Amino acid sequence: MGGAAMKVLGALTGIFLVIVVILSLLTALTSASASLANGVANAASSTALLTSQCLSGFMVVVALIAGAGVGVTAYRFVSGRQTHQLPTPPAAPAPYPFIQVQNPQATRYLPAGNQRLPVIYTQEKAPAEEADSQDILFRNWGW
C-alpha cells in the first residue's frame, strides 16, 4: 500500500505542478497582451499628438503668411492715400522763449573795438519776487 499511495501522491503532485505551470503561462500571456494593447494605445496617442503638433505648426505658418499679406496690403493702401495729403499747417509757436538777434554779423572770435555785440531779447517776465516764487512752489499742496 505504501507504493500505491506514493504513486497517487506523485500523480497529484505532478498534476498540481502542471496546473501551476499552465496558470503561470496564462498569466504571462495576459500580461503580454495587456502590454501590447498599452503599446498600441501609446502609439495611437503619439501619432495623434504628432499630427496635432504638425497641424498647429502649419496653421502658424499660414497665419504668418496671411498676416504679412494683410500688412503689405494695408501699407500700400495707407501709403497710396498719403500721396494726396493737404499741405501741412503752419508751425505752432514754440513753447520756449524765442531769441532774436539784432544786426547779425559774421562770427568772429574777438570783436574789434568799433563793433557792438549782438543784443538778445527774450519774451520772459520780469524776475518774480520771493513771495511769488513761494506761491508758485507750494501751489496745489492744500495749504
Protein backbone atom coordinates (compact mmCIF):
# COMPACT_ATOMS: atom_id res chain seq x y z
CA MET A 1 0.00 0.00 0.00
CA GLY A 2 2.84 2.27 0.60
CA GLY A 3 3.88 2.15 -3.07
CA ALA A 4 0.39 2.85 -4.43
CA ALA A 5 -0.10 5.81 -2.10
CA MET A 6 3.20 7.21 -3.23
CA LYS A 7 2.18 6.83 -6.86
CA VAL A 8 -1.13 8.64 -6.22
CA LEU A 9 0.65 11.33 -4.23
CA GLY A 10 3.25 11.71 -7.03
CA ALA A 11 0.49 11.86 -9.66
CA LEU A 12 -1.34 14.55 -7.64
CA THR A 13 1.88 16.48 -7.23
CA GLY A 14 2.55 16.24 -10.98
CA ILE A 15 -0.97 17.39 -11.82
CA PHE A 16 -0.60 20.27 -9.34
CA LEU A 17 2.69 21.31 -10.95
CA VAL A 18 1.18 21.14 -14.46
CA ILE A 19 -1.75 23.33 -13.31
CA VAL A 20 0.65 25.84 -11.75
CA VAL A 21 2.76 25.97 -14.92
CA ILE A 22 -0.33 26.39 -17.12
CA LEU A 23 -1.67 29.17 -14.86
CA SER A 24 1.68 30.98 -14.86
CA LEU A 25 1.83 30.74 -18.67
CA LEU A 26 -1.71 32.13 -18.89
CA THR A 27 -0.73 34.99 -16.56
CA ALA A 28 2.33 35.77 -18.67
CA LEU A 29 0.22 35.67 -21.84
CA THR A 30 -2.38 38.02 -20.30
CA SER A 31 0.35 40.41 -19.16
CA ALA A 32 1.97 40.37 -22.61
CA SER A 33 -1.35 41.04 -24.35
CA ALA A 34 -2.06 43.92 -21.91
CA SER A 35 1.40 45.37 -22.59
CA LEU A 36 0.80 45.01 -26.34
CA ALA A 37 -2.56 46.77 -26.04
CA ASN A 38 -0.91 49.50 -23.95
CA GLY A 39 1.80 49.90 -26.59
CA VAL A 40 -0.78 50.15 -29.37
CA ALA A 41 -2.67 52.78 -27.36
CA ASN A 42 0.56 54.72 -26.75
CA ALA A 43 1.42 54.56 -30.44
CA ALA A 44 -2.03 55.86 -31.37
CA SER A 45 -1.72 58.61 -28.77
CA SER A 46 1.74 59.57 -30.01
CA THR A 47 0.52 59.60 -33.59
CA ALA A 48 -2.41 61.82 -32.66
CA LEU A 49 -0.12 64.14 -30.70
CA LEU A 50 2.38 64.36 -33.54
CA THR A 51 -0.40 65.03 -36.04
CA SER A 52 -1.82 67.75 -33.78
CA GLN A 53 1.58 69.42 -33.41
CA CYS A 54 2.24 69.32 -37.15
CA LEU A 55 -1.19 70.79 -37.85
CA SER A 56 -0.60 73.55 -35.28
CA GLY A 57 2.76 74.41 -36.85
CA PHE A 58 1.18 74.52 -40.30
CA MET A 59 -1.56 76.83 -39.03
CA VAL A 60 1.06 79.15 -37.51
CA VAL A 61 2.87 79.35 -40.86
CA VAL A 62 -0.43 80.03 -42.67
CA ALA A 63 -1.31 82.75 -40.11
CA LEU A 64 2.11 84.41 -40.57
CA ILE A 65 1.77 84.42 -44.35
CA ALA A 66 -1.78 85.78 -44.14
CA GLY A 67 -0.71 88.45 -41.64
CA ALA A 68 2.16 89.52 -43.89
CA GLY A 69 -0.25 89.77 -46.84
CA VAL A 70 -2.71 91.86 -44.83
CA GLY A 71 0.13 94.08 -43.57
CA VAL A 72 1.52 94.69 -47.06
CA THR A 73 -1.96 95.46 -48.39
CA ALA A 74 -2.66 97.87 -45.54
CA TYR A 75 0.72 99.56 -46.06
CA ARG A 76 0.06 100.02 -49.77
CA PHE A 77 -3.41 101.38 -49.06
CA VAL A 78 -2.16 103.85 -46.42
CA SER A 79 0.90 104.94 -48.41
CA GLY A 80 -1.29 105.43 -51.50
CA ARG A 81 -3.60 107.71 -49.58
CA GLN A 82 -0.73 109.75 -48.12
CA THR A 83 0.40 110.98 -51.54
CA HIS A 84 -2.73 113.18 -51.83
CA GLN A 85 -2.37 114.99 -48.50
CA LEU A 86 -3.30 118.57 -47.84
CA PRO A 87 -0.41 120.98 -47.26
CA THR A 88 0.87 120.99 -43.72
CA PRO A 89 -0.47 123.75 -41.47
CA PRO A 90 1.93 126.48 -40.31
CA ALA A 91 4.08 125.61 -37.35
CA ALA A 92 2.70 126.36 -33.91
CA PRO A 93 4.55 128.90 -31.77
CA ALA A 94 7.43 127.45 -29.81
CA PRO A 95 6.70 126.81 -26.12
CA TYR A 96 10.08 128.23 -25.07
CA PRO A 97 11.24 131.86 -25.21
CA PHE A 98 12.14 132.97 -28.71
CA ILE A 99 15.55 134.61 -29.08
CA GLN A 100 16.01 137.37 -31.66
CA VAL A 101 19.43 138.71 -32.54
CA GLN A 102 19.73 142.31 -33.74
CA ASN A 103 22.15 143.07 -36.57
CA PRO A 104 23.61 139.63 -37.10
CA GLN A 105 27.19 139.86 -38.30
CA ALA A 106 29.78 137.34 -39.35
CA THR A 107 31.02 135.35 -36.41
CA ARG A 108 34.46 136.31 -35.19
CA TYR A 109 36.46 135.16 -32.24
CA LEU A 110 37.11 138.59 -30.72
CA PRO A 111 35.13 141.74 -31.58
CA ALA A 112 37.02 144.77 -32.84
CA GLY A 113 36.83 147.96 -30.80
CA ASN A 114 34.31 149.64 -33.12
CA GLN A 115 31.89 146.66 -33.25
CA ARG A 116 28.97 146.11 -30.94
CA LEU A 117 27.98 142.74 -29.56
CA PRO A 118 24.55 141.47 -30.67
CA VAL A 119 21.64 142.22 -28.35
CA ILE A 120 19.40 139.33 -27.40
CA TYR A 121 15.76 139.83 -26.41
CA THR A 122 13.68 137.12 -24.77
CA GLN A 123 9.97 137.05 -24.07
CA GLU A 124 10.31 136.33 -20.37
CA LYS A 125 8.57 138.01 -17.47
CA ALA A 126 10.36 140.27 -15.07
CA PRO A 127 12.04 138.39 -12.21
CA ALA A 128 9.46 137.37 -9.63
CA GLU A 129 9.73 138.38 -6.03
CA GLU A 130 10.50 135.85 -3.33
CA ALA A 131 6.87 135.73 -2.17
CA ASP A 132 5.72 134.95 -5.72
CA SER A 133 8.18 132.08 -6.09
CA GLN A 134 6.99 130.56 -2.83
CA ASP A 135 3.41 130.78 -4.03
CA ILE A 136 4.39 129.02 -7.24
CA LEU A 137 6.35 126.31 -5.44
CA PHE A 138 3.63 125.42 -2.96
CA ARG A 139 0.59 125.81 -5.23
CA ASN A 140 -1.95 122.94 -5.03
CA TRP A 141 -0.38 121.44 -1.92
CA GLY A 142 -3.56 122.02 0.12
CA TRP A 143 -2.15 124.89 2.24
